[in-house]
């Protein structure tokens, strides 16, 4: 896989970079549209076409941090073994004082990286931005299916769920409605961002499923849902979270690229870069 962006070599070398991007091209448990394994490469291929000057911060953040793209995690024999492999790689990077960004792949890749961050940071909560609850105990004979991600994460860290608009009866017993922000309610609220912040701990790990966006913005996902968030709602939330909390890492998952429409790939790459800029 290519590097993120088109930065000078000195700003992509591991030792010169505070930020490490870890691709995990895994798509072993998705149940409808396949292709999330191609998501990390599509984001990386779109990234050189970004403008790297940020209008809000009036700078090019890559010059201050360096951004290294690591070799991908290719373990795919089972979701459990993939989770272990991601956990080990992310743990090593955190201990080397890197800010880690995982690019999926389907959402199951988030279990290992969320666990690694939880074990290395105290008082941490997980902010899930997503169309789906992902709270099933088990799905298709696996507890590590993409539909079970937050049920696993919830076992070791408190979660806040934002943008939700699709649930199933099998997951309702796992859901804490006081920590879930439905997309429909967000559209009617002027205080939802402050309410999200109130639910989060001092340290925050973000898992960002791209189907949180309305399909009119990002359509290339495995399970697009109508009624999603728009770009500025997401960015306003990200600005607030990065300003008020200590974001320790994040992942962006579930891009299922369409070779005939690169819009979703570009927006995903822009989101990643914007979040880096907000962090640093």
C-alpha atoms as a PDB file:
ATOM      1  CA  UNK A   1       0.000   0.000   0.000  1.00  0.00           C
ATOM      2  CA  UNK A   2       1.109   3.565  -0.686  1.00  0.00           C
ATOM      3  CA  UNK A   3       1.692   6.222   1.970  1.00  0.00           C
ATOM      4  CA  UNK A   4      -1.016   8.585   3.146  1.00  0.00           C
ATOM      5  CA  UNK A   5      -0.627  11.896   1.286  1.00  0.00           C
ATOM      6  CA  UNK A   6       2.232  12.897  -0.968  1.00  0.00           C
ATOM      7  CA  UNK A   7       4.545  14.279   1.678  1.00  0.00           C
ATOM      8  CA  UNK A   8       8.350  14.450   1.501  1.00  0.00           C
ATOM      9  CA  UNK A   9      10.074  11.237   2.552  1.00  0.00           C
ATOM     10  CA  UNK A  10      11.498  12.880   5.666  1.00  0.00           C
ATOM     11  CA  UNK A  11       7.929  13.496   6.888  1.00  0.00           C
ATOM     12  CA  UNK A  12       6.754   9.917   6.315  1.00  0.00           C
ATOM     13  CA  UNK A  13       9.613   8.076   8.021  1.00  0.00           C
ATOM     14  CA  UNK A  14       8.657   6.234  11.192  1.00  0.00           C
ATOM     15  CA  UNK A  15      11.204   7.894  13.452  1.00  0.00           C
ATOM     16  CA  UNK A  16      10.173  11.368  12.265  1.00  0.00           C
ATOM     17  CA  UNK A  17       6.415  10.846  12.694  1.00  0.00           C
ATOM     18  CA  UNK A  18       4.142  11.315  15.682  1.00  0.00           C
ATOM     19  CA  UNK A  19       1.256   9.843  13.679  1.00  0.00           C
ATOM     20  CA  UNK A  20       1.157   6.267  12.403  1.00  0.00           C
ATOM     21  CA  UNK A  21      -1.556   5.040  10.075  1.00  0.00           C
ATOM     22  CA  UNK A  22      -2.153   1.286  10.305  1.00  0.00           C
ATOM     23  CA  UNK A  23      -4.212  -0.270   7.485  1.00  0.00           C
ATOM     24  CA  UNK A  24      -6.215  -3.394   8.326  1.00  0.00           C
ATOM     25  CA  UNK A  25      -7.770  -4.646   5.054  1.00  0.00           C
ATOM     26  CA  UNK A  26     -10.071  -7.213   6.658  1.00  0.00           C
ATOM     27  CA  UNK A  27     -13.540  -8.145   5.410  1.00  0.00           C
ATOM     28  CA  UNK A  28     -14.177 -11.565   6.866  1.00  0.00           C
ATOM     29  CA  UNK A  29     -17.604 -11.154   8.510  1.00  0.00           C
ATOM     30  CA  UNK A  30     -19.492  -8.497   6.538  1.00  0.00           C
ATOM     31  CA  UNK A  31     -22.909  -9.760   5.561  1.00  0.00           C
ATOM     32  CA  UNK A  32     -24.128  -7.781   2.557  1.00  0.00           C
ATOM     33  CA  UNK A  33     -21.887  -5.706   0.294  1.00  0.00           C
ATOM     34  CA  UNK A  34     -18.348  -7.060   0.283  1.00  0.00           C
ATOM     35  CA  UNK A  35     -15.283  -4.937  -0.405  1.00  0.00           C
ATOM     36  CA  UNK A  36     -14.359  -3.247   2.883  1.00  0.00           C
ATOM     37  CA  UNK A  37     -10.974  -4.948   2.629  1.00  0.00           C
ATOM     38  CA  UNK A  38     -10.278  -2.519  -0.231  1.00  0.00           C
ATOM     39  CA  UNK A  39     -11.199   0.489   1.913  1.00  0.00           C
ATOM     40  CA  UNK A  40      -7.766   1.266   3.404  1.00  0.00           C
ATOM     41  CA  UNK A  41      -6.073   1.238   0.013  1.00  0.00           C
ATOM     42  CA  UNK A  42      -8.820   3.433  -1.481  1.00  0.00           C
ATOM     43  CA  UNK A  43      -8.370   6.015   1.310  1.00  0.00           C
ATOM     44  CA  UNK A  44      -4.609   6.022   0.838  1.00  0.00           C
ATOM     45  CA  UNK A  45      -4.935   6.347  -2.944  1.00  0.00           C
ATOM     46  CA  UNK A  46      -7.342   9.276  -2.608  1.00  0.00           C
ATOM     47  CA  UNK A  47      -5.245  11.087  -0.005  1.00  0.00           C
ATOM     48  CA  UNK A  48      -2.656  12.745  -2.319  1.00  0.00           C
ATOM     49  CA  UNK A  49      -5.504  14.658  -3.960  1.00  0.00           C
ATOM     50  CA  UNK A  50      -6.371  16.532  -0.744  1.00  0.00           C
ATOM     51  CA  UNK A  51      -5.389  20.128  -0.131  1.00  0.00           C
ATOM     52  CA  UNK A  52      -3.223  19.876   2.983  1.00  0.00           C
ATOM     53  CA  UNK A  53      -3.692  23.463   4.135  1.00  0.00           C
ATOM     54  CA  UNK A  54      -6.486  23.603   6.706  1.00  0.00           C
ATOM     55  CA  UNK A  55      -8.682  26.700   6.502  1.00  0.00           C
ATOM     56  CA  UNK A  56      -9.682  26.531  10.180  1.00  0.00           C
ATOM     57  CA  UNK A  57      -6.210  26.164  11.666  1.00  0.00           C
ATOM     58  CA  UNK A  58      -4.339  27.970   8.851  1.00  0.00           C
ATOM     59  CA  UNK A  59      -1.543  25.450   8.660  1.00  0.00           C
ATOM     60  CA  UNK A  60      -0.355  22.188   7.142  1.00  0.00           C
ATOM     61  CA  UNK A  61      -0.363  19.812  10.083  1.00  0.00           C
ATOM     62  CA  UNK A  62       1.776  17.110   8.425  1.00  0.00           C
ATOM     63  CA  UNK A  63       4.770  19.473   8.602  1.00  0.00           C
ATOM     64  CA  UNK A  64       4.470  19.527  12.386  1.00  0.00           C
ATOM     65  CA  UNK A  65       3.744  15.844  13.084  1.00  0.00           C
ATOM     66  CA  UNK A  66       4.954  13.673  10.225  1.00  0.00           C
ATOM     67  CA  UNK A  67       2.577  10.921   9.093  1.00  0.00           C
ATOM     68  CA  UNK A  68       3.933   7.409   8.665  1.00  0.00           C
ATOM     69  CA  UNK A  69       1.929   4.669   6.941  1.00  0.00           C
ATOM     70  CA  UNK A  70       2.753   1.293   8.449  1.00  0.00           C
ATOM     71  CA  UNK A  71       2.716  -2.117   6.829  1.00  0.00           C
ATOM     72  CA  UNK A  72      -0.862  -3.484   6.962  1.00  0.00           C
ATOM     73  CA  UNK A  73      -2.146  -6.149   9.318  1.00  0.00           C
ATOM     74  CA  UNK A  74      -2.916  -9.027   6.958  1.00  0.00           C
ATOM     75  CA  UNK A  75      -4.045 -11.707   9.429  1.00  0.00           C
ATOM     76  CA  UNK A  76      -7.410 -12.977   8.152  1.00  0.00           C
ATOM     77  CA  UNK A  77      -7.820 -16.581   9.210  1.00  0.00           C
ATOM     78  CA  UNK A  78     -10.590 -15.608  11.658  1.00  0.00           C
ATOM     79  CA  UNK A  79     -11.983 -12.441  13.230  1.00  0.00           C
ATOM     80  CA  UNK A  80     -10.541 -13.543  16.571  1.00  0.00           C
ATOM     81  CA  UNK A  81      -7.009 -13.937  15.193  1.00  0.00           C
ATOM     82  CA  UNK A  82      -7.300 -10.650  13.314  1.00  0.00           C
ATOM     83  CA  UNK A  83      -8.383  -8.925  16.549  1.00  0.00           C
ATOM     84  CA  UNK A  84      -5.346 -10.341  18.363  1.00  0.00           C
ATOM     85  CA  UNK A  85      -3.002  -9.229  15.575  1.00  0.00           C
ATOM     86  CA  UNK A  86      -4.420  -5.687  15.570  1.00  0.00           C
ATOM     87  CA  UNK A  87      -4.216  -5.529  19.363  1.00  0.00           C
ATOM     88  CA  UNK A  88      -0.541  -6.523  19.340  1.00  0.00           C
ATOM     89  CA  UNK A  89       0.469  -4.074  16.588  1.00  0.00           C
ATOM     90  CA  UNK A  90      -1.412  -1.142  18.090  1.00  0.00           C
ATOM     91  CA  UNK A  91      -0.056  -1.878  21.570  1.00  0.00           C
ATOM     92  CA  UNK A  92       3.503  -1.776  20.218  1.00  0.00           C
ATOM     93  CA  UNK A  93       2.886   1.549  18.472  1.00  0.00           C
ATOM     94  CA  UNK A  94       1.312   3.147  21.563  1.00  0.00           C
ATOM     95  CA  UNK A  95       4.255   2.060  23.694  1.00  0.00           C
ATOM     96  CA  UNK A  96       6.501   3.727  21.120  1.00  0.00           C
ATOM     97  CA  UNK A  97       4.606   6.991  21.763  1.00  0.00           C
ATOM     98  CA  UNK A  98       2.797   7.050  18.422  1.00  0.00           C
ATOM     99  CA  UNK A  99      -0.683   8.417  17.822  1.00  0.00           C
ATOM    100  CA  UNK A 100      -2.320   5.479  16.045  1.00  0.00           C
ATOM    101  CA  UNK A 101      -4.976   5.650  13.332  1.00  0.00           C
ATOM    102  CA  UNK A 102      -6.409   2.353  12.121  1.00  0.00           C
ATOM    103  CA  UNK A 103      -7.976   2.227   8.662  1.00  0.00           C
ATOM    104  CA  UNK A 104     -10.461  -0.629   8.123  1.00  0.00           C
ATOM    105  CA  UNK A 105     -11.693  -2.860   6.758  1.00  0.00           C
ATOM    106  CA  UNK A 106     -14.944  -3.855   8.345  1.00  0.00           C
ATOM    107  CA  UNK A 107     -15.862  -2.671  11.822  1.00  0.00           C
ATOM    108  CA  UNK A 108     -14.579  -5.761  13.618  1.00  0.00           C
ATOM    109  CA  UNK A 109     -11.042  -4.360  13.247  1.00  0.00           C
ATOM    110  CA  UNK A 110     -11.949  -1.830  15.958  1.00  0.00           C
ATOM    111  CA  UNK A 111     -12.128  -4.370  18.791  1.00  0.00           C
ATOM    112  CA  UNK A 112      -8.383  -4.940  18.974  1.00  0.00           C
ATOM    113  CA  UNK A 113      -7.357  -1.310  18.653  1.00  0.00           C
ATOM    114  CA  UNK A 114      -9.939  -0.089  21.179  1.00  0.00           C
ATOM    115  CA  UNK A 115      -8.723  -2.741  23.642  1.00  0.00           C
ATOM    116  CA  UNK A 116      -5.085  -1.716  23.158  1.00  0.00           C
ATOM    117  CA  UNK A 117      -5.906   1.921  23.848  1.00  0.00           C
ATOM    118  CA  UNK A 118      -7.997   0.994  26.878  1.00  0.00           C
ATOM    119  CA  UNK A 119      -5.096  -0.916  28.392  1.00  0.00           C
ATOM    120  CA  UNK A 120      -2.672   1.959  27.870  1.00  0.00           C
ATOM    121  CA  UNK A 121      -4.807   4.916  28.997  1.00  0.00           C
ATOM    122  CA  UNK A 122      -6.703   5.381  32.242  1.00  0.00           C
ATOM    123  CA  UNK A 123     -10.195   6.857  32.483  1.00  0.00           C
ATOM    124  CA  UNK A 124     -10.980   6.156  28.831  1.00  0.00           C
ATOM    125  CA  UNK A 125     -14.312   5.960  27.040  1.00  0.00           C
ATOM    126  CA  UNK A 126     -15.105   4.982  23.457  1.00  0.00           C
ATOM    127  CA  UNK A 127     -17.031   7.286  21.139  1.00  0.00           C
ATOM    128  CA  UNK A 128     -18.749   5.309  18.397  1.00  0.00           C
ATOM    129  CA  UNK A 129     -20.006   7.274  15.395  1.00  0.00           C
ATOM    130  CA  UNK A 130     -22.168   4.902  13.392  1.00  0.00           C
ATOM    131  CA  UNK A 131     -25.545   4.175  11.829  1.00  0.00           C
ATOM    132  CA  UNK A 132     -25.862   0.852  13.664  1.00  0.00           C
ATOM    133  CA  UNK A 133     -25.772  -0.200  17.301  1.00  0.00           C
ATOM    134  CA  UNK A 134     -23.385  -3.147  16.696  1.00  0.00           C
ATOM    135  CA  UNK A 135     -24.446  -4.551  20.080  1.00  0.00           C
ATOM    136  CA  UNK A 136     -25.331  -8.144  19.240  1.00  0.00           C
ATOM    137  CA  UNK A 137     -23.768 -10.669  21.611  1.00  0.00           C
ATOM    138  CA  UNK A 138     -23.118 -12.989  18.687  1.00  0.00           C
ATOM    139  CA  UNK A 139     -23.847 -13.008  14.968  1.00  0.00           C
ATOM    140  CA  UNK A 140     -23.365 -15.819  12.462  1.00  0.00           C
ATOM    141  CA  UNK A 141     -21.650 -17.968  15.102  1.00  0.00           C
ATOM    142  CA  UNK A 142     -19.057 -15.354  16.015  1.00  0.00           C
ATOM    143  CA  UNK A 143     -18.770 -12.938  18.928  1.00  0.00           C
ATOM    144  CA  UNK A 144     -16.253 -10.949  16.863  1.00  0.00           C
ATOM    145  CA  UNK A 145     -18.534 -10.289  13.919  1.00  0.00           C
ATOM    146  CA  UNK A 146     -18.784  -6.682  12.706  1.00  0.00           C
ATOM    147  CA  UNK A 147     -22.306  -6.619  14.203  1.00  0.00           C
ATOM    148  CA  UNK A 148     -20.891  -7.375  17.681  1.00  0.00           C
ATOM    149  CA  UNK A 149     -18.134  -4.759  17.880  1.00  0.00           C
ATOM    150  CA  UNK A 150     -19.617  -2.524  20.534  1.00  0.00           C
ATOM    151  CA  UNK A 151     -20.840  -5.449  22.628  1.00  0.00           C
ATOM    152  CA  UNK A 152     -17.185  -6.512  22.902  1.00  0.00           C
ATOM    153  CA  UNK A 153     -15.898  -2.969  23.502  1.00  0.00           C
ATOM    154  CA  UNK A 154     -18.569  -2.401  26.151  1.00  0.00           C
ATOM    155  CA  UNK A 155     -17.047  -5.267  28.147  1.00  0.00           C
ATOM    156  CA  UNK A 156     -13.951  -3.179  28.939  1.00  0.00           C
ATOM    157  CA  UNK A 157     -14.863   0.485  28.351  1.00  0.00           C
ATOM    158  CA  UNK A 158     -17.909   2.768  28.631  1.00  0.00           C
ATOM    159  CA  UNK A 159     -19.304   3.733  25.233  1.00  0.00           C
ATOM    160  CA  UNK A 160     -21.194   6.658  23.756  1.00  0.00           C
ATOM    161  CA  UNK A 161     -23.015   5.974  20.483  1.00  0.00           C
ATOM    162  CA  UNK A 162     -23.779   8.787  18.014  1.00  0.00           C
ATOM    163  CA  UNK A 163     -25.725   8.812  14.746  1.00  0.00           C
ATOM    164  CA  UNK A 164     -27.589   5.565  15.373  1.00  0.00           C
ATOM    165  CA  UNK A 165     -30.636   4.879  13.239  1.00  0.00           C
ATOM    166  CA  UNK A 166     -30.797   1.105  12.880  1.00  0.00           C
ATOM    167  CA  UNK A 167     -31.166  -1.545  15.612  1.00  0.00           C
ATOM    168  CA  UNK A 168     -32.294  -5.158  15.932  1.00  0.00           C
ATOM    169  CA  UNK A 169     -34.202  -6.839  18.739  1.00  0.00           C
ATOM    170  CA  UNK A 170     -31.266  -9.135  19.614  1.00  0.00           C
ATOM    171  CA  UNK A 171     -29.144  -6.194  20.768  1.00  0.00           C
ATOM    172  CA  UNK A 172     -31.699  -4.176  22.719  1.00  0.00           C
ATOM    173  CA  UNK A 173     -30.733  -5.707  26.076  1.00  0.00           C
ATOM    174  CA  UNK A 174     -27.177  -4.392  25.629  1.00  0.00           C
ATOM    175  CA  UNK A 175     -28.154  -0.807  24.883  1.00  0.00           C
ATOM    176  CA  UNK A 176     -27.976   2.066  27.332  1.00  0.00           C
ATOM    177  CA  UNK A 177     -30.335   4.613  25.800  1.00  0.00           C
ATOM    178  CA  UNK A 178     -28.919   7.365  28.012  1.00  0.00           C
ATOM    179  CA  UNK A 179     -25.632   6.979  26.126  1.00  0.00           C
ATOM    180  CA  UNK A 180     -27.110   6.644  22.634  1.00  0.00           C
ATOM    181  CA  UNK A 181     -27.757   9.640  20.371  1.00  0.00           C
ATOM    182  CA  UNK A 182     -30.141   8.795  17.564  1.00  0.00           C
ATOM    183  CA  UNK A 183     -29.653  10.623  14.272  1.00  0.00           C
ATOM    184  CA  UNK A 184     -33.283  11.748  14.236  1.00  0.00           C
ATOM    185  CA  UNK A 185     -32.922  13.359  17.664  1.00  0.00           C
ATOM    186  CA  UNK A 186     -29.664  15.047  16.671  1.00  0.00           C
ATOM    187  CA  UNK A 187     -31.459  16.786  13.798  1.00  0.00           C
ATOM    188  CA  UNK A 188     -33.878  18.362  16.278  1.00  0.00           C
ATOM    189  CA  UNK A 189     -31.413  19.330  19.014  1.00  0.00           C
ATOM    190  CA  UNK A 190     -29.228  22.385  19.522  1.00  0.00           C
ATOM    191  CA  UNK A 191     -27.427  20.917  22.535  1.00  0.00           C
ATOM    192  CA  UNK A 192     -26.566  17.387  21.397  1.00  0.00           C
ATOM    193  CA  UNK A 193     -22.822  17.991  21.151  1.00  0.00           C
ATOM    194  CA  UNK A 194     -22.634  19.287  24.715  1.00  0.00           C
ATOM    195  CA  UNK A 195     -24.661  16.276  25.831  1.00  0.00           C
ATOM    196  CA  UNK A 196     -22.232  13.909  24.079  1.00  0.00           C
ATOM    197  CA  UNK A 197     -19.274  15.615  25.759  1.00  0.00           C
ATOM    198  CA  UNK A 198     -20.918  15.225  29.158  1.00  0.00           C
ATOM    199  CA  UNK A 199     -21.039  11.439  28.682  1.00  0.00           C
ATOM    200  CA  UNK A 200     -17.375  11.048  27.709  1.00  0.00           C
ATOM    201  CA  UNK A 201     -14.444  10.461  30.046  1.00  0.00           C
ATOM    202  CA  UNK A 202     -11.258  12.533  30.033  1.00  0.00           C
ATOM    203  CA  UNK A 203      -9.541  10.216  27.516  1.00  0.00           C
ATOM    204  CA  UNK A 204     -11.456   9.212  24.409  1.00  0.00           C
ATOM    205  CA  UNK A 205     -10.958   6.637  21.677  1.00  0.00           C
ATOM    206  CA  UNK A 206     -13.059   7.258  18.542  1.00  0.00           C
ATOM    207  CA  UNK A 207     -14.339   4.503  16.284  1.00  0.00           C
ATOM    208  CA  UNK A 208     -15.841   6.001  13.149  1.00  0.00           C
ATOM    209  CA  UNK A 209     -18.008   3.855  10.888  1.00  0.00           C
ATOM    210  CA  UNK A 210     -18.474   5.808   7.656  1.00  0.00           C
ATOM    211  CA  UNK A 211     -22.117   4.733   7.372  1.00  0.00           C
ATOM    212  CA  UNK A 212     -22.770   7.328  10.089  1.00  0.00           C
ATOM    213  CA  UNK A 213     -22.840   9.791   7.209  1.00  0.00           C
ATOM    214  CA  UNK A 214     -25.996  10.101   5.177  1.00  0.00           C
ATOM    215  CA  UNK A 215     -25.668   8.089   1.911  1.00  0.00           C
ATOM    216  CA  UNK A 216     -26.017  11.345  -0.035  1.00  0.00           C
ATOM    217  CA  UNK A 217     -22.537  12.158   1.315  1.00  0.00           C
ATOM    218  CA  UNK A 218     -20.905   8.723   1.571  1.00  0.00           C
ATOM    219  CA  UNK A 219     -22.657   5.957  -0.328  1.00  0.00           C
ATOM    220  CA  UNK A 220     -19.793   3.454  -0.551  1.00  0.00           C
ATOM    221  CA  UNK A 221     -20.410   1.469   2.614  1.00  0.00           C
ATOM    222  CA  UNK A 222     -21.488  -2.097   3.242  1.00  0.00           C
ATOM    223  CA  UNK A 223     -24.856  -1.146   4.742  1.00  0.00           C
ATOM    224  CA  UNK A 224     -25.852   2.459   3.909  1.00  0.00           C
ATOM    225  CA  UNK A 225     -28.718   3.819   6.008  1.00  0.00           C
ATOM    226  CA  UNK A 226     -30.887   6.850   5.147  1.00  0.00           C
ATOM    227  CA  UNK A 227     -31.175   9.795   7.506  1.00  0.00           C
ATOM    228  CA  UNK A 228     -27.527  10.112   8.486  1.00  0.00           C
ATOM    229  CA  UNK A 229     -25.264  12.922   9.617  1.00  0.00           C
ATOM    230  CA  UNK A 230     -23.927  15.600   7.297  1.00  0.00           C
ATOM    231  CA  UNK A 231     -20.314  16.766   6.972  1.00  0.00           C
ATOM    232  CA  UNK A 232     -20.597  19.853   9.169  1.00  0.00           C
ATOM    233  CA  UNK A 233     -22.458  18.043  11.941  1.00  0.00           C
ATOM    234  CA  UNK A 234     -19.622  15.540  12.084  1.00  0.00           C
ATOM    235  CA  UNK A 235     -16.900  18.178  11.955  1.00  0.00           C
ATOM    236  CA  UNK A 236     -18.601  20.290  14.638  1.00  0.00           C
ATOM    237  CA  UNK A 237     -18.691  17.216  16.880  1.00  0.00           C
ATOM    238  CA  UNK A 238     -15.051  16.404  16.126  1.00  0.00           C
ATOM    239  CA  UNK A 239     -13.952  19.976  16.865  1.00  0.00           C
ATOM    240  CA  UNK A 240     -15.676  19.852  20.242  1.00  0.00           C
ATOM    241  CA  UNK A 241     -14.387  16.420  21.223  1.00  0.00           C
ATOM    242  CA  UNK A 242     -10.790  17.150  20.245  1.00  0.00           C
ATOM    243  CA  UNK A 243     -10.925  20.537  22.004  1.00  0.00           C
ATOM    244  CA  UNK A 244     -12.511  19.366  25.255  1.00  0.00           C
ATOM    245  CA  UNK A 245     -11.172  15.815  25.600  1.00  0.00           C
ATOM    246  CA  UNK A 246      -7.881  13.996  25.107  1.00  0.00           C
ATOM    247  CA  UNK A 247      -8.424  11.879  22.003  1.00  0.00           C
ATOM    248  CA  UNK A 248      -5.844   9.095  22.249  1.00  0.00           C
ATOM    249  CA  UNK A 249      -6.470   7.390  18.900  1.00  0.00           C
ATOM    250  CA  UNK A 250      -9.134   6.605  16.342  1.00  0.00           C
ATOM    251  CA  UNK A 251     -10.183   4.319  13.539  1.00  0.00           C
ATOM    252  CA  UNK A 252     -12.142   4.908  10.334  1.00  0.00           C
ATOM    253  CA  UNK A 253     -13.872   1.815   8.975  1.00  0.00           C
ATOM    254  CA  UNK A 254     -16.419   0.369   6.565  1.00  0.00           C
ATOM    255  CA  UNK A 255     -15.488   2.117   3.335  1.00  0.00           C
ATOM    256  CA  UNK A 256     -16.581  -0.257   0.579  1.00  0.00           C
ATOM    257  CA  UNK A 257     -15.120   1.549  -2.447  1.00  0.00           C
ATOM    258  CA  UNK A 258     -16.956   1.872  -5.729  1.00  0.00           C
ATOM    259  CA  UNK A 259     -14.466   1.962  -8.639  1.00  0.00           C
ATOM    260  CA  UNK A 260     -16.894   4.126 -10.631  1.00  0.00           C
ATOM    261  CA  UNK A 261     -17.375   6.776  -7.925  1.00  0.00           C
ATOM    262  CA  UNK A 262     -14.419   8.046  -5.891  1.00  0.00           C
ATOM    263  CA  UNK A 263     -16.358  10.623  -3.860  1.00  0.00           C
ATOM    264  CA  UNK A 264     -16.629   8.440  -0.752  1.00  0.00           C
ATOM    265  CA  UNK A 265     -12.921   7.573  -0.877  1.00  0.00           C
ATOM    266  CA  UNK A 266     -11.951  11.246  -1.016  1.00  0.00           C
ATOM    267  CA  UNK A 267     -14.286  12.257   1.822  1.00  0.00           C
ATOM    268  CA  UNK A 268     -12.958   9.437   4.012  1.00  0.00           C
ATOM    269  CA  UNK A 269      -9.381  10.591   3.381  1.00  0.00           C
ATOM    270  CA  UNK A 270     -10.344  14.187   4.155  1.00  0.00           C
ATOM    271  CA  UNK A 271     -11.983  13.097   7.402  1.00  0.00           C
ATOM    272  CA  UNK A 272      -8.821  11.279   8.485  1.00  0.00           C
ATOM    273  CA  UNK A 273      -6.634  14.293   7.739  1.00  0.00           C
ATOM    274  CA  UNK A 274      -9.055  16.706   9.420  1.00  0.00           C
ATOM    275  CA  UNK A 275      -9.042  14.604  12.580  1.00  0.00           C
ATOM    276  CA  UNK A 276      -5.231  14.593  12.583  1.00  0.00           C
ATOM    277  CA  UNK A 277      -5.271  18.380  12.277  1.00  0.00           C
ATOM    278  CA  UNK A 278      -7.740  18.714  15.146  1.00  0.00           C
ATOM    279  CA  UNK A 279      -5.606  16.482  17.355  1.00  0.00           C
ATOM    280  CA  UNK A 280      -2.356  18.369  16.804  1.00  0.00           C
END
